[in-house]
Amino acid sequence: TINFKENELEISVKDKGIGISEEDQQHLFKRFFRG
């Protein structure tokens, strides 16, 4: 989903996949991290 707002662009990507645990979400943006 793309939403054009006044001064920003919003992009949403949703899936029905395996999901990410709450604990793993804290580390998602670390280099080489895999859930």
PDB file of all heavy atoms in Angstrom:
ATOM      1  N   THR A   1       0.844  -1.183   0.000  1.00  0.00           N
ATOM      2  CA  THR A   1       0.000   0.000   0.000  1.00  0.00           C
ATOM      3  C   THR A   1       0.885   1.241   0.000  1.00  0.00           C
ATOM      4  O   THR A   1       1.823   1.332   0.780  1.00  0.00           O
ATOM      5  CB  THR A   1      -0.917   0.018   1.243  1.00  0.00           C
ATOM      6  OG1 THR A   1      -1.653  -1.203   1.292  1.00  0.00           O
ATOM      7  CG2 THR A   1      -1.879   1.190   1.204  1.00  0.00           C
ATOM      8  N   ILE A   2       0.547   2.174  -0.867  1.00  0.00           N
ATOM      9  CA  ILE A   2       1.254   3.442  -0.965  1.00  0.00           C
ATOM     10  C   ILE A   2       0.271   4.543  -0.599  1.00  0.00           C
ATOM     11  O   ILE A   2      -0.851   4.581  -1.113  1.00  0.00           O
ATOM     12  CB  ILE A   2       1.773   3.690  -2.409  1.00  0.00           C
ATOM     13  CG1 ILE A   2       2.582   2.499  -2.919  1.00  0.00           C
ATOM     14  CG2 ILE A   2       2.561   4.989  -2.491  1.00  0.00           C
ATOM     15  CD1 ILE A   2       3.791   2.156  -2.125  1.00  0.00           C
ATOM     16  N   ASN A   3       0.688   5.433   0.302  1.00  0.00           N
ATOM     17  CA  ASN A   3      -0.169   6.520   0.733  1.00  0.00           C
ATOM     18  C   ASN A   3       0.606   7.832   0.574  1.00  0.00           C
ATOM     19  O   ASN A   3       1.642   8.026   1.211  1.00  0.00           O
ATOM     20  CB  ASN A   3      -0.597   6.314   2.189  1.00  0.00           C
ATOM     21  CG  ASN A   3      -1.638   7.305   2.645  1.00  0.00           C
ATOM     22  OD1 ASN A   3      -2.142   8.107   1.869  1.00  0.00           O
ATOM     23  ND2 ASN A   3      -1.957   7.247   3.925  1.00  0.00           N
ATOM     24  N   PHE A   4       0.114   8.699  -0.295  1.00  0.00           N
ATOM     25  CA  PHE A   4       0.732   9.999  -0.525  1.00  0.00           C
ATOM     26  C   PHE A   4       0.128  10.996   0.456  1.00  0.00           C
ATOM     27  O   PHE A   4      -1.042  11.334   0.346  1.00  0.00           O
ATOM     28  CB  PHE A   4       0.484  10.470  -1.958  1.00  0.00           C
ATOM     29  CG  PHE A   4       1.057   9.552  -2.984  1.00  0.00           C
ATOM     30  CD1 PHE A   4       0.286   8.534  -3.530  1.00  0.00           C
ATOM     31  CD2 PHE A   4       2.367   9.682  -3.400  1.00  0.00           C
ATOM     32  CE1 PHE A   4       0.810   7.674  -4.475  1.00  0.00           C
ATOM     33  CE2 PHE A   4       2.900   8.826  -4.348  1.00  0.00           C
ATOM     34  CZ  PHE A   4       2.126   7.825  -4.885  1.00  0.00           C
ATOM     35  N   LYS A   5       0.920  11.464   1.383  1.00  0.00           N
ATOM     36  CA  LYS A   5       0.442  12.436   2.364  1.00  0.00           C
ATOM     37  C   LYS A   5       1.042  13.798   2.044  1.00  0.00           C
ATOM     38  O   LYS A   5       1.863  13.932   1.142  1.00  0.00           O
ATOM     39  CB  LYS A   5       0.824  11.981   3.769  1.00  0.00           C
ATOM     40  CG  LYS A   5       0.087  10.732   4.203  1.00  0.00           C
ATOM     41  CD  LYS A   5       0.267  10.517   5.659  1.00  0.00           C
ATOM     42  CE  LYS A   5      -0.788   9.553   6.165  1.00  0.00           C
ATOM     43  NZ  LYS A   5      -0.734   9.432   7.607  1.00  0.00           N
ATOM     44  N   GLU A   6       0.656  14.796   2.832  1.00  0.00           N
ATOM     45  CA  GLU A   6       1.085  16.182   2.595  1.00  0.00           C
ATOM     46  C   GLU A   6       2.599  16.304   2.409  1.00  0.00           C
ATOM     47  O   GLU A   6       3.054  16.834   1.415  1.00  0.00           O
ATOM     48  CB  GLU A   6       0.626  17.066   3.761  1.00  0.00           C
ATOM     49  CG  GLU A   6       0.992  18.524   3.615  1.00  0.00           C
ATOM     50  CD  GLU A   6       0.135  19.245   2.593  1.00  0.00           C
ATOM     51  OE1 GLU A   6      -1.028  18.841   2.398  1.00  0.00           O
ATOM     52  OE2 GLU A   6       0.631  20.202   1.987  1.00  0.00           O
ATOM     53  N   ASN A   7       3.366  15.820   3.363  1.00  0.00           N
ATOM     54  CA  ASN A   7       4.823  15.975   3.295  1.00  0.00           C
ATOM     55  C   ASN A   7       5.571  14.665   3.478  1.00  0.00           C
ATOM     56  O   ASN A   7       6.723  14.668   3.922  1.00  0.00           O
ATOM     57  CB  ASN A   7       5.295  16.981   4.350  1.00  0.00           C
ATOM     58  CG  ASN A   7       4.820  18.378   4.040  1.00  0.00           C
ATOM     59  OD1 ASN A   7       4.984  18.855   2.926  1.00  0.00           O
ATOM     60  ND2 ASN A   7       4.188  19.019   5.008  1.00  0.00           N
ATOM     61  N   GLU A   8       4.922  13.560   3.156  1.00  0.00           N
ATOM     62  CA  GLU A   8       5.597  12.278   3.321  1.00  0.00           C
ATOM     63  C   GLU A   8       4.945  11.196   2.476  1.00  0.00           C
ATOM     64  O   GLU A   8       3.805  11.322   2.035  1.00  0.00           O
ATOM     65  CB  GLU A   8       5.631  11.858   4.790  1.00  0.00           C
ATOM     66  CG  GLU A   8       4.267  11.613   5.396  1.00  0.00           C
ATOM     67  CD  GLU A   8       4.308  11.407   6.892  1.00  0.00           C
ATOM     68  OE1 GLU A   8       5.318  11.757   7.541  1.00  0.00           O
ATOM     69  OE2 GLU A   8       3.317  10.892   7.430  1.00  0.00           O
ATOM     70  N   LEU A   9       5.722  10.158   2.278  1.00  0.00           N
ATOM     71  CA  LEU A   9       5.257   8.972   1.574  1.00  0.00           C
ATOM     72  C   LEU A   9       5.213   7.836   2.577  1.00  0.00           C
ATOM     73  O   LEU A   9       6.177   7.616   3.323  1.00  0.00           O
ATOM     74  CB  LEU A   9       6.226   8.618   0.434  1.00  0.00           C
ATOM     75  CG  LEU A   9       5.933   7.322  -0.323  1.00  0.00           C
ATOM     76  CD1 LEU A   9       4.637   7.460  -1.122  1.00  0.00           C
ATOM     77  CD2 LEU A   9       7.097   6.988  -1.250  1.00  0.00           C
ATOM     78  N   GLU A  10       4.097   7.138   2.622  1.00  0.00           N
ATOM     79  CA  GLU A  10       3.981   5.943   3.458  1.00  0.00           C
ATOM     80  C   GLU A  10       3.915   4.727   2.557  1.00  0.00           C
ATOM     81  O   GLU A  10       3.180   4.719   1.569  1.00  0.00           O
ATOM     82  CB  GLU A  10       2.710   5.975   4.315  1.00  0.00           C
ATOM     83  CG  GLU A  10       2.777   6.867   5.497  1.00  0.00           C
ATOM     84  CD  GLU A  10       1.517   6.758   6.358  1.00  0.00           C
ATOM     85  OE1 GLU A  10       0.517   6.124   5.943  1.00  0.00           O
ATOM     86  OE2 GLU A  10       1.542   7.323   7.449  1.00  0.00           O
ATOM     87  N   ILE A  11       4.694   3.720   2.903  1.00  0.00           N
ATOM     88  CA  ILE A  11       4.679   2.456   2.189  1.00  0.00           C
ATOM     89  C   ILE A  11       4.430   1.362   3.221  1.00  0.00           C
ATOM     90  O   ILE A  11       5.131   1.284   4.230  1.00  0.00           O
ATOM     91  CB  ILE A  11       6.019   2.175   1.482  1.00  0.00           C
ATOM     92  CG1 ILE A  11       6.343   3.282   0.483  1.00  0.00           C
ATOM     93  CG2 ILE A  11       6.000   0.805   0.807  1.00  0.00           C
ATOM     94  CD1 ILE A  11       7.743   3.187  -0.098  1.00  0.00           C
ATOM     95  N   SER A  12       3.451   0.535   2.949  1.00  0.00           N
ATOM     96  CA  SER A  12       3.145  -0.579   3.833  1.00  0.00           C
ATOM     97  C   SER A  12       3.279  -1.883   3.047  1.00  0.00           C
ATOM     98  O   SER A  12       2.775  -1.984   1.929  1.00  0.00           O
ATOM     99  CB  SER A  12       1.722  -0.436   4.371  1.00  0.00           C
ATOM    100  OG  SER A  12       1.330  -1.609   5.051  1.00  0.00           O
ATOM    101  N   VAL A  13       3.970  -2.857   3.633  1.00  0.00           N
ATOM    102  CA  VAL A  13       4.075  -4.189   3.048  1.00  0.00           C
ATOM    103  C   VAL A  13       3.622  -5.174   4.118  1.00  0.00           C
ATOM    104  O   VAL A  13       4.214  -5.247   5.201  1.00  0.00           O
ATOM    105  CB  VAL A  13       5.515  -4.510   2.577  1.00  0.00           C
ATOM    106  CG1 VAL A  13       5.581  -5.917   2.010  1.00  0.00           C
ATOM    107  CG2 VAL A  13       5.988  -3.478   1.553  1.00  0.00           C
ATOM    108  N   LYS A  14       2.545  -5.905   3.820  1.00  0.00           N
ATOM    109  CA  LYS A  14       1.970  -6.864   4.771  1.00  0.00           C
ATOM    110  C   LYS A  14       1.960  -8.249   4.152  1.00  0.00           C
ATOM    111  O   LYS A  14       1.697  -8.407   2.960  1.00  0.00           O
ATOM    112  CB  LYS A  14       0.536  -6.486   5.122  1.00  0.00           C
ATOM    113  CG  LYS A  14       0.387  -5.180   5.841  1.00  0.00           C
ATOM    114  CD  LYS A  14      -1.071  -4.909   6.140  1.00  0.00           C
ATOM    115  CE  LYS A  14      -1.239  -3.540   6.771  1.00  0.00           C
ATOM    116  NZ  LYS A  14      -2.650  -3.216   7.009  1.00  0.00           N
ATOM    117  N   ASP A  15       2.215  -9.232   4.999  1.00  0.00           N
ATOM    118  CA  ASP A  15       2.159 -10.616   4.539  1.00  0.00           C
ATOM    119  C   ASP A  15       1.436 -11.473   5.565  1.00  0.00           C
ATOM    120  O   ASP A  15       1.126 -11.012   6.661  1.00  0.00           O
ATOM    121  CB  ASP A  15       3.570 -11.150   4.250  1.00  0.00           C
ATOM    122  CG  ASP A  15       4.438 -11.258   5.490  1.00  0.00           C
ATOM    123  OD1 ASP A  15       4.033 -11.914   6.468  1.00  0.00           O
ATOM    124  OD2 ASP A  15       5.553 -10.690   5.485  1.00  0.00           O
ATOM    125  N   LYS A  16       1.177 -12.710   5.188  1.00  0.00           N
ATOM    126  CA  LYS A  16       0.527 -13.686   6.072  1.00  0.00           C
ATOM    127  C   LYS A  16       1.514 -14.817   6.385  1.00  0.00           C
ATOM    128  O   LYS A  16       1.139 -15.971   6.483  1.00  0.00           O
ATOM    129  CB  LYS A  16      -0.715 -14.269   5.399  1.00  0.00           C
ATOM    130  CG  LYS A  16      -1.706 -13.238   4.922  1.00  0.00           C
ATOM    131  CD  LYS A  16      -2.506 -12.680   6.062  1.00  0.00           C
ATOM    132  CE  LYS A  16      -3.680 -11.884   5.549  1.00  0.00           C
ATOM    133  NZ  LYS A  16      -3.643 -10.488   5.830  1.00  0.00           N
ATOM    134  N   GLY A  17       2.779 -14.445   6.524  1.00  0.00           N
ATOM    135  CA  GLY A  17       3.846 -15.433   6.660  1.00  0.00           C
ATOM    136  C   GLY A  17       4.106 -15.921   8.063  1.00  0.00           C
ATOM    137  O   GLY A  17       3.239 -15.861   8.946  1.00  0.00           O
ATOM    138  N   ILE A  18       5.335 -16.358   8.267  1.00  0.00           N
ATOM    139  CA  ILE A  18       5.728 -17.011   9.517  1.00  0.00           C
ATOM    140  C   ILE A  18       5.838 -16.054  10.693  1.00  0.00           C
ATOM    141  O   ILE A  18       5.864 -16.467  11.833  1.00  0.00           O
ATOM    142  CB  ILE A  18       7.058 -17.776   9.351  1.00  0.00           C
ATOM    143  CG1 ILE A  18       8.204 -16.827   9.001  1.00  0.00           C
ATOM    144  CG2 ILE A  18       6.913 -18.882   8.322  1.00  0.00           C
ATOM    145  CD1 ILE A  18       9.574 -17.475   8.967  1.00  0.00           C
ATOM    146  N   GLY A  19       5.891 -14.756  10.419  1.00  0.00           N
ATOM    147  CA  GLY A  19       5.944 -13.757  11.478  1.00  0.00           C
ATOM    148  C   GLY A  19       7.297 -13.693  12.168  1.00  0.00           C
ATOM    149  O   GLY A  19       8.205 -14.477  11.895  1.00  0.00           O
ATOM    150  N   ILE A  20       7.400 -12.724  13.053  1.00  0.00           N
ATOM    151  CA  ILE A  20       8.646 -12.453  13.770  1.00  0.00           C
ATOM    152  C   ILE A  20       8.314 -12.354  15.247  1.00  0.00           C
ATOM    153  O   ILE A  20       7.412 -11.599  15.637  1.00  0.00           O
ATOM    154  CB  ILE A  20       9.271 -11.115  13.294  1.00  0.00           C
ATOM    155  CG1 ILE A  20       9.426 -11.106  11.771  1.00  0.00           C
ATOM    156  CG2 ILE A  20      10.604 -10.858  13.978  1.00  0.00           C
ATOM    157  CD1 ILE A  20       9.582  -9.723  11.177  1.00  0.00           C
ATOM    158  N   SER A  21       9.045 -13.081  16.067  1.00  0.00           N
ATOM    159  CA  SER A  21       8.796 -13.029  17.502  1.00  0.00           C
ATOM    160  C   SER A  21       9.112 -11.634  18.034  1.00  0.00           C
ATOM    161  O   SER A  21       9.923 -10.895  17.468  1.00  0.00           O
ATOM    162  CB  SER A  21       9.639 -14.067  18.245  1.00  0.00           C
ATOM    163  OG  SER A  21      10.998 -13.662  18.267  1.00  0.00           O
ATOM    164  N   GLU A  22       8.473 -11.284  19.137  1.00  0.00           N
ATOM    165  CA  GLU A  22       8.709  -9.981  19.756  1.00  0.00           C
ATOM    166  C   GLU A  22      10.179  -9.826  20.135  1.00  0.00           C
ATOM    167  O   GLU A  22      10.773  -8.767  19.950  1.00  0.00           O
ATOM    168  CB  GLU A  22       7.812  -9.828  20.986  1.00  0.00           C
ATOM    169  CG  GLU A  22       7.658  -8.406  21.446  1.00  0.00           C
ATOM    170  CD  GLU A  22       6.592  -8.279  22.515  1.00  0.00           C
ATOM    171  OE1 GLU A  22       5.491  -8.835  22.331  1.00  0.00           O
ATOM    172  OE2 GLU A  22       6.876  -7.616  23.522  1.00  0.00           O
ATOM    173  N   GLU A  23      10.769 -10.888  20.628  1.00  0.00           N
ATOM    174  CA  GLU A  23      12.186 -10.851  21.016  1.00  0.00           C
ATOM    175  C   GLU A  23      13.090 -10.602  19.799  1.00  0.00           C
ATOM    176  O   GLU A  23      14.004  -9.788  19.857  1.00  0.00           O
ATOM    177  CB  GLU A  23      12.582 -12.171  21.687  1.00  0.00           C
ATOM    178  CG  GLU A  23      13.991 -12.168  22.206  1.00  0.00           C
ATOM    179  CD  GLU A  23      14.348 -13.471  22.897  1.00  0.00           C
ATOM    180  OE1 GLU A  23      13.426 -14.207  23.312  1.00  0.00           O
ATOM    181  OE2 GLU A  23      15.546 -13.762  22.999  1.00  0.00           O
ATOM    182  N   ASP A  24      12.806 -11.264  18.684  1.00  0.00           N
ATOM    183  CA  ASP A  24      13.624 -11.079  17.483  1.00  0.00           C
ATOM    184  C   ASP A  24      13.437  -9.699  16.854  1.00  0.00           C
ATOM    185  O   ASP A  24      14.363  -9.173  16.235  1.00  0.00           O
ATOM    186  CB  ASP A  24      13.313 -12.159  16.441  1.00  0.00           C
ATOM    187  CG  ASP A  24      13.951 -13.497  16.773  1.00  0.00           C
ATOM    188  OD1 ASP A  24      14.802 -13.553  17.686  1.00  0.00           O
ATOM    189  OD2 ASP A  24      13.592 -14.487  16.104  1.00  0.00           O
ATOM    190  N   GLN A  25      12.269  -9.095  17.020  1.00  0.00           N
ATOM    191  CA  GLN A  25      12.018  -7.785  16.425  1.00  0.00           C
ATOM    192  C   GLN A  25      13.001  -6.736  16.923  1.00  0.00           C
ATOM    193  O   GLN A  25      13.352  -5.804  16.194  1.00  0.00           O
ATOM    194  CB  GLN A  25      10.583  -7.329  16.714  1.00  0.00           C
ATOM    195  CG  GLN A  25       9.550  -8.101  15.937  1.00  0.00           C
ATOM    196  CD  GLN A  25       8.144  -7.672  16.262  1.00  0.00           C
ATOM    197  OE1 GLN A  25       7.871  -6.487  16.409  1.00  0.00           O
ATOM    198  NE2 GLN A  25       7.235  -8.638  16.371  1.00  0.00           N
ATOM    199  N   GLN A  26      13.483  -6.891  18.133  1.00  0.00           N
ATOM    200  CA  GLN A  26      14.431  -5.942  18.706  1.00  0.00           C
ATOM    201  C   GLN A  26      15.774  -5.945  17.974  1.00  0.00           C
ATOM    202  O   GLN A  26      16.535  -4.995  18.066  1.00  0.00           O
ATOM    203  CB  GLN A  26      14.679  -6.261  20.179  1.00  0.00           C
ATOM    204  CG  GLN A  26      13.443  -6.216  21.034  1.00  0.00           C
ATOM    205  CD  GLN A  26      13.723  -6.740  22.427  1.00  0.00           C
ATOM    206  OE1 GLN A  26      14.814  -6.550  22.952  1.00  0.00           O
ATOM    207  NE2 GLN A  26      12.745  -7.392  23.017  1.00  0.00           N
ATOM    208  N   HIS A  27      16.064  -7.020  17.245  1.00  0.00           N
ATOM    209  CA  HIS A  27      17.384  -7.186  16.618  1.00  0.00           C
ATOM    210  C   HIS A  27      17.337  -7.159  15.090  1.00  0.00           C
ATOM    211  O   HIS A  27      18.358  -7.332  14.440  1.00  0.00           O
ATOM    212  CB  HIS A  27      17.987  -8.519  17.067  1.00  0.00           C
ATOM    213  CG  HIS A  27      18.031  -8.683  18.551  1.00  0.00           C
ATOM    214  ND1 HIS A  27      18.907  -7.996  19.352  1.00  0.00           N
ATOM    215  CD2 HIS A  27      17.265  -9.441  19.377  1.00  0.00           C
ATOM    216  CE1 HIS A  27      18.697  -8.330  20.616  1.00  0.00           C
ATOM    217  NE2 HIS A  27      17.715  -9.199  20.661  1.00  0.00           N
ATOM    218  N   LEU A  28      16.164  -6.946  14.520  1.00  0.00           N
ATOM    219  CA  LEU A  28      15.987  -7.089  13.074  1.00  0.00           C
ATOM    220  C   LEU A  28      16.932  -6.249  12.228  1.00  0.00           C
ATOM    221  O   LEU A  28      17.278  -6.641  11.126  1.00  0.00           O
ATOM    222  CB  LEU A  28      14.552  -6.725  12.680  1.00  0.00           C
ATOM    223  CG  LEU A  28      13.502  -7.783  12.864  1.00  0.00           C
ATOM    224  CD1 LEU A  28      12.165  -7.265  12.370  1.00  0.00           C
ATOM    225  CD2 LEU A  28      13.865  -9.073  12.171  1.00  0.00           C
ATOM    226  N   PHE A  29      17.333  -5.098  12.703  1.00  0.00           N
ATOM    227  CA  PHE A  29      18.122  -4.190  11.877  1.00  0.00           C
ATOM    228  C   PHE A  29      19.620  -4.285  12.148  1.00  0.00           C
ATOM    229  O   PHE A  29      20.399  -3.503  11.620  1.00  0.00           O
ATOM    230  CB  PHE A  29      17.610  -2.761  12.037  1.00  0.00           C
ATOM    231  CG  PHE A  29      16.186  -2.650  11.586  1.00  0.00           C
ATOM    232  CD1 PHE A  29      15.143  -2.725  12.495  1.00  0.00           C
ATOM    233  CD2 PHE A  29      15.882  -2.538  10.244  1.00  0.00           C
ATOM    234  CE1 PHE A  29      13.825  -2.664  12.075  1.00  0.00           C
ATOM    235  CE2 PHE A  29      14.570  -2.480   9.805  1.00  0.00           C
ATOM    236  CZ  PHE A  29      13.545  -2.548  10.726  1.00  0.00           C
ATOM    237  N   LYS A  30      20.008  -5.288  12.928  1.00  0.00           N
ATOM    238  CA  LYS A  30      21.430  -5.534  13.164  1.00  0.00           C
ATOM    239  C   LYS A  30      22.004  -6.337  12.004  1.00  0.00           C
ATOM    240  O   LYS A  30      21.328  -7.203  11.438  1.00  0.00           O
ATOM    241  CB  LYS A  30      21.641  -6.294  14.476  1.00  0.00           C
ATOM    242  CG  LYS A  30      21.283  -5.478  15.689  1.00  0.00           C
ATOM    243  CD  LYS A  30      21.526  -6.255  16.961  1.00  0.00           C
ATOM    244  CE  LYS A  30      21.123  -5.417  18.167  1.00  0.00           C
ATOM    245  NZ  LYS A  30      21.217  -6.187  19.405  1.00  0.00           N
ATOM    246  N   ARG A  31      23.239  -6.045  11.688  1.00  0.00           N
ATOM    247  CA  ARG A  31      23.910  -6.737  10.588  1.00  0.00           C
ATOM    248  C   ARG A  31      23.978  -8.240  10.860  1.00  0.00           C
ATOM    249  O   ARG A  31      24.321  -8.674  11.956  1.00  0.00           O
ATOM    250  CB  ARG A  31      25.326  -6.175  10.449  1.00  0.00           C
ATOM    251  CG  ARG A  31      26.082  -6.756   9.307  1.00  0.00           C
ATOM    252  CD  ARG A  31      27.505  -6.344   9.307  1.00  0.00           C
ATOM    253  NE  ARG A  31      27.668  -4.975   9.727  1.00  0.00           N
ATOM    254  CZ  ARG A  31      28.728  -4.257   9.456  1.00  0.00           C
ATOM    255  NH1 ARG A  31      29.714  -4.778   8.802  1.00  0.00           N
ATOM    256  NH2 ARG A  31      28.822  -3.026   9.879  1.00  0.00           N
ATOM    257  N   PHE A  32      23.634  -9.031   9.871  1.00  0.00           N
ATOM    258  CA  PHE A  32      23.674 -10.494   9.871  1.00  0.00           C
ATOM    259  C   PHE A  32      22.678 -11.152  10.821  1.00  0.00           C
ATOM    260  O   PHE A  32      22.734 -12.352  11.035  1.00  0.00           O
ATOM    261  CB  PHE A  32      25.083 -11.024  10.163  1.00  0.00           C
ATOM    262  CG  PHE A  32      26.112 -10.581   9.178  1.00  0.00           C
ATOM    263  CD1 PHE A  32      27.179  -9.782   9.582  1.00  0.00           C
ATOM    264  CD2 PHE A  32      26.014 -10.923   7.847  1.00  0.00           C
ATOM    265  CE1 PHE A  32      28.132  -9.360   8.676  1.00  0.00           C
ATOM    266  CE2 PHE A  32      26.965 -10.506   6.924  1.00  0.00           C
ATOM    267  CZ  PHE A  32      28.017  -9.717   7.343  1.00  0.00           C
ATOM    268  N   PHE A  33      21.742 -10.376  11.387  1.00  0.00           N
ATOM    269  CA  PHE A  33      20.771 -10.991  12.284  1.00  0.00           C
ATOM    270  C   PHE A  33      19.727 -11.741  11.479  1.00  0.00           C
ATOM    271  O   PHE A  33      19.195 -11.249  10.492  1.00  0.00           O
ATOM    272  CB  PHE A  33      20.064  -9.958  13.171  1.00  0.00           C
ATOM    273  CG  PHE A  33      19.034 -10.594  14.053  1.00  0.00           C
ATOM    274  CD1 PHE A  33      19.416 -11.252  15.200  1.00  0.00           C
ATOM    275  CD2 PHE A  33      17.696 -10.593  13.702  1.00  0.00           C
ATOM    276  CE1 PHE A  33      18.480 -11.890  16.002  1.00  0.00           C
ATOM    277  CE2 PHE A  33      16.744 -11.217  14.493  1.00  0.00           C
ATOM    278  CZ  PHE A  33      17.143 -11.867  15.644  1.00  0.00           C
ATOM    279  N   ARG A  34      19.443 -12.966  11.936  1.00  0.00           N
ATOM    280  CA  ARG A  34      18.369 -13.764  11.352  1.00  0.00           C
ATOM    281  C   ARG A  34      17.526 -14.311  12.494  1.00  0.00           C
ATOM    282  O   ARG A  34      18.045 -14.778  13.496  1.00  0.00           O
ATOM    283  CB  ARG A  34      18.946 -14.924  10.538  1.00  0.00           C
ATOM    284  CG  ARG A  34      19.879 -14.385   9.449  1.00  0.00           C
ATOM    285  CD  ARG A  34      19.911 -15.145   8.178  1.00  0.00           C
ATOM    286  NE  ARG A  34      18.603 -15.366   7.608  1.00  0.00           N
ATOM    287  CZ  ARG A  34      18.228 -16.516   7.059  1.00  0.00           C
ATOM    288  NH1 ARG A  34      19.062 -17.530   6.970  1.00  0.00           N
ATOM    289  NH2 ARG A  34      17.024 -16.659   6.562  1.00  0.00           N
ATOM    290  N   GLY A  35      16.225 -14.245  12.333  1.00  0.00           N
ATOM    291  CA  GLY A  35      15.320 -14.739  13.356  1.00  0.00           C
ATOM    292  C   GLY A  35      15.487 -16.233  13.577  1.00  0.00           C
ATOM    293  O   GLY A  35      15.918 -16.975  12.697  1.00  0.00           O
TER     294      GLY A  35
END
